Amino acid sequence: MPARQQFSKIAHYFETLTPQALKELNTYYSEQARFKDPFNEVSGLAEIERIFRHMYASLEHPHFVITGQVIDGNQAFLTWQFKFKFKRFDTTQEQVVLGTSHLVLDAQNLIVLHRDYWDAAEELYEKLPWVGGLMRWLKKRANS
């Protein structure tokens, strides 16, 4: 299967991801895959699954909306919106985090590198009670 077609399948998988669908991670990730985001840096399929399971345990209705794809050979950048509600703090307001994932496939079209880029300060910390006020104040001070 061409890499472009595999990236399309991967994007669809992320958009339709559920806790039950995590058992299919090995269809998309290499056993030795590496994952990194602002909070995690892990290797191995079991550790990547643990991160996704933690997401479902910590947040209400987390889901991804893929907004774009840039594909070059065996690597791609997927831009996305990550939508969820907090289980604590403001539990009524849907939150949206904007980010991008850099994905690299191996010869078997499995993800060997998954690196997420997003601004934790702007996209998350500023939305939290107490911390948010401090983050906005620091940002204002830095920009003056």
Protein backbone atom coordinates (compact mmCIF):
# COMPACT_ATOMS: atom_id res chain seq x y z
CA MET A 1 0.00 0.00 0.00
CA PRO A 2 1.40 3.43 -0.89
CA ALA A 3 2.36 5.64 2.06
CA ARG A 4 -0.18 8.30 0.99
CA GLN A 5 -3.00 5.78 1.29
CA GLN A 6 -1.68 4.58 4.68
CA PHE A 7 -1.59 8.16 6.01
CA SER A 8 -5.21 8.57 4.94
CA LYS A 9 -6.10 5.42 6.91
CA ILE A 10 -4.12 6.70 9.91
CA ALA A 11 -5.93 10.06 9.82
CA HIS A 12 -9.29 8.26 9.75
CA TYR A 13 -8.19 6.04 12.65
CA PHE A 14 -7.30 9.08 14.78
CA GLU A 15 -10.59 10.80 13.97
CA THR A 16 -12.62 7.72 14.93
CA LEU A 17 -10.43 6.60 17.84
CA THR A 18 -12.25 5.12 20.84
CA PRO A 19 -11.01 3.23 23.90
CA GLN A 20 -12.14 0.02 22.19
CA ALA A 21 -10.17 0.85 19.03
CA LEU A 22 -6.90 1.00 20.98
CA LYS A 23 -6.58 -2.75 20.51
CA GLU A 24 -5.91 -1.93 16.82
CA LEU A 25 -2.85 0.25 17.53
CA ASN A 26 -0.57 -2.52 16.24
CA THR A 27 -2.24 -2.12 12.83
CA TYR A 28 -0.80 1.41 12.66
CA TYR A 29 2.24 1.49 14.98
CA SER A 30 5.46 -0.49 14.93
CA GLU A 31 6.21 -2.44 18.11
CA GLN A 32 9.30 -0.19 18.57
CA ALA A 33 7.53 3.10 17.76
CA ARG A 34 8.53 6.27 19.59
CA PHE A 35 6.04 8.92 20.75
CA LYS A 36 6.74 12.41 22.06
CA ASP A 37 4.52 15.33 23.02
CA PRO A 38 4.88 18.21 25.52
CA PHE A 39 4.23 15.81 28.45
CA ASN A 40 5.48 12.39 27.33
CA GLU A 41 8.40 10.71 25.63
CA VAL A 42 8.05 6.95 25.34
CA SER A 43 9.09 4.00 23.21
CA GLY A 44 7.14 0.88 22.45
CA LEU A 45 3.58 0.07 21.57
CA ALA A 46 2.53 -0.71 25.15
CA GLU A 47 3.68 2.72 26.37
CA ILE A 48 1.92 4.52 23.51
CA GLU A 49 -1.28 2.63 24.33
CA ARG A 50 -0.87 3.64 28.00
CA ILE A 51 -0.79 7.32 26.97
CA PHE A 52 -3.98 6.99 24.92
CA ARG A 53 -5.71 5.08 27.76
CA HIS A 54 -4.71 7.83 30.18
CA MET A 55 -6.26 10.39 27.81
CA TYR A 56 -9.60 8.56 27.96
CA ALA A 57 -9.39 8.16 31.75
CA SER A 58 -8.56 11.85 32.33
CA LEU A 59 -10.85 13.62 29.85
CA GLU A 60 -14.48 13.55 28.76
CA HIS A 61 -15.18 12.81 25.09
CA PRO A 62 -11.65 13.37 23.74
CA HIS A 63 -11.47 13.26 19.96
CA PHE A 64 -9.35 14.51 17.09
CA VAL A 65 -10.46 16.39 14.00
CA ILE A 66 -7.82 16.23 11.27
CA THR A 67 -7.73 19.58 9.47
CA GLY A 68 -4.88 19.01 7.02
CA GLN A 69 -2.23 16.63 5.75
CA VAL A 70 1.17 17.31 4.20
CA ILE A 71 2.72 14.09 2.92
CA ASP A 72 6.26 13.61 1.60
CA GLY A 73 7.26 10.01 0.96
CA ASN A 74 7.20 8.03 4.19
CA GLN A 75 6.50 11.00 6.46
CA ALA A 76 3.60 13.34 7.02
CA PHE A 77 2.40 16.23 9.13
CA LEU A 78 -1.22 16.04 10.20
CA THR A 79 -2.75 19.23 11.56
CA TRP A 80 -5.56 18.70 14.03
CA GLN A 81 -7.97 20.00 16.59
CA PHE A 82 -8.14 18.00 19.79
CA LYS A 83 -11.54 18.48 21.40
CA PHE A 84 -12.48 17.40 24.92
CA LYS A 85 -14.06 18.43 28.20
CA PHE A 86 -12.25 18.39 31.50
CA LYS A 87 -13.46 15.86 34.07
CA ARG A 88 -12.46 18.39 36.73
CA PHE A 89 -12.27 22.19 36.48
CA ASP A 90 -14.73 23.51 33.85
CA THR A 91 -16.64 20.35 32.96
CA THR A 92 -19.22 22.05 30.72
CA GLN A 93 -17.07 23.96 28.23
CA GLU A 94 -15.61 22.04 25.29
CA GLN A 95 -11.90 22.72 25.01
CA VAL A 96 -10.00 22.82 21.73
CA VAL A 97 -6.24 22.35 21.40
CA LEU A 98 -4.65 23.05 18.02
CA GLY A 99 -1.61 21.06 17.03
CA THR A 100 0.23 18.96 14.50
CA SER A 101 1.66 15.45 14.43
CA HIS A 102 4.82 14.47 12.59
CA LEU A 103 4.53 10.81 11.59
CA VAL A 104 7.22 8.64 10.01
CA LEU A 105 6.49 5.20 8.56
CA ASP A 106 8.83 2.21 8.32
CA ALA A 107 9.12 -0.16 5.34
CA GLN A 108 5.96 -1.98 6.49
CA ASN A 109 3.97 1.31 6.54
CA LEU A 110 3.80 1.30 10.33
CA ILE A 111 4.41 4.42 12.41
CA VAL A 112 7.92 4.39 13.91
CA LEU A 113 7.91 8.04 15.02
CA HIS A 114 4.94 10.06 16.26
CA ARG A 115 5.82 13.55 17.50
CA ASP A 116 3.07 15.95 18.53
CA TYR A 117 3.66 19.69 18.50
CA TRP A 118 1.34 22.03 20.37
CA ASP A 119 1.73 24.94 22.76
CA ALA A 120 0.92 23.60 26.24
CA ALA A 121 0.99 27.10 27.77
CA GLU A 122 -1.51 28.67 25.37
CA GLU A 123 -3.61 25.64 24.55
CA LEU A 124 -3.89 24.09 28.02
CA TYR A 125 -2.41 25.96 30.99
CA GLU A 126 -4.21 29.23 30.18
CA LYS A 127 -7.52 27.34 30.35
CA LEU A 128 -6.96 26.00 33.87
CA PRO A 129 -8.25 27.82 36.96
CA TRP A 130 -5.53 29.63 38.97
CA VAL A 131 -2.77 28.62 36.56
CA GLY A 132 -4.55 30.31 33.64
CA GLY A 133 -4.54 33.74 35.26
CA LEU A 134 -0.86 33.45 36.06
CA MET A 135 -0.04 32.28 32.51
CA ARG A 136 -1.97 35.17 30.94
CA TRP A 137 -0.24 37.64 33.27
CA LEU A 138 3.21 36.22 32.40
CA LYS A 139 2.40 36.35 28.69
CA LYS A 140 1.27 39.97 29.00
CA ARG A 141 4.43 40.90 30.91
CA ALA A 142 6.66 39.15 28.37
CA ASN A 143 4.99 41.03 25.51
CA SER A 144 5.20 44.49 27.07
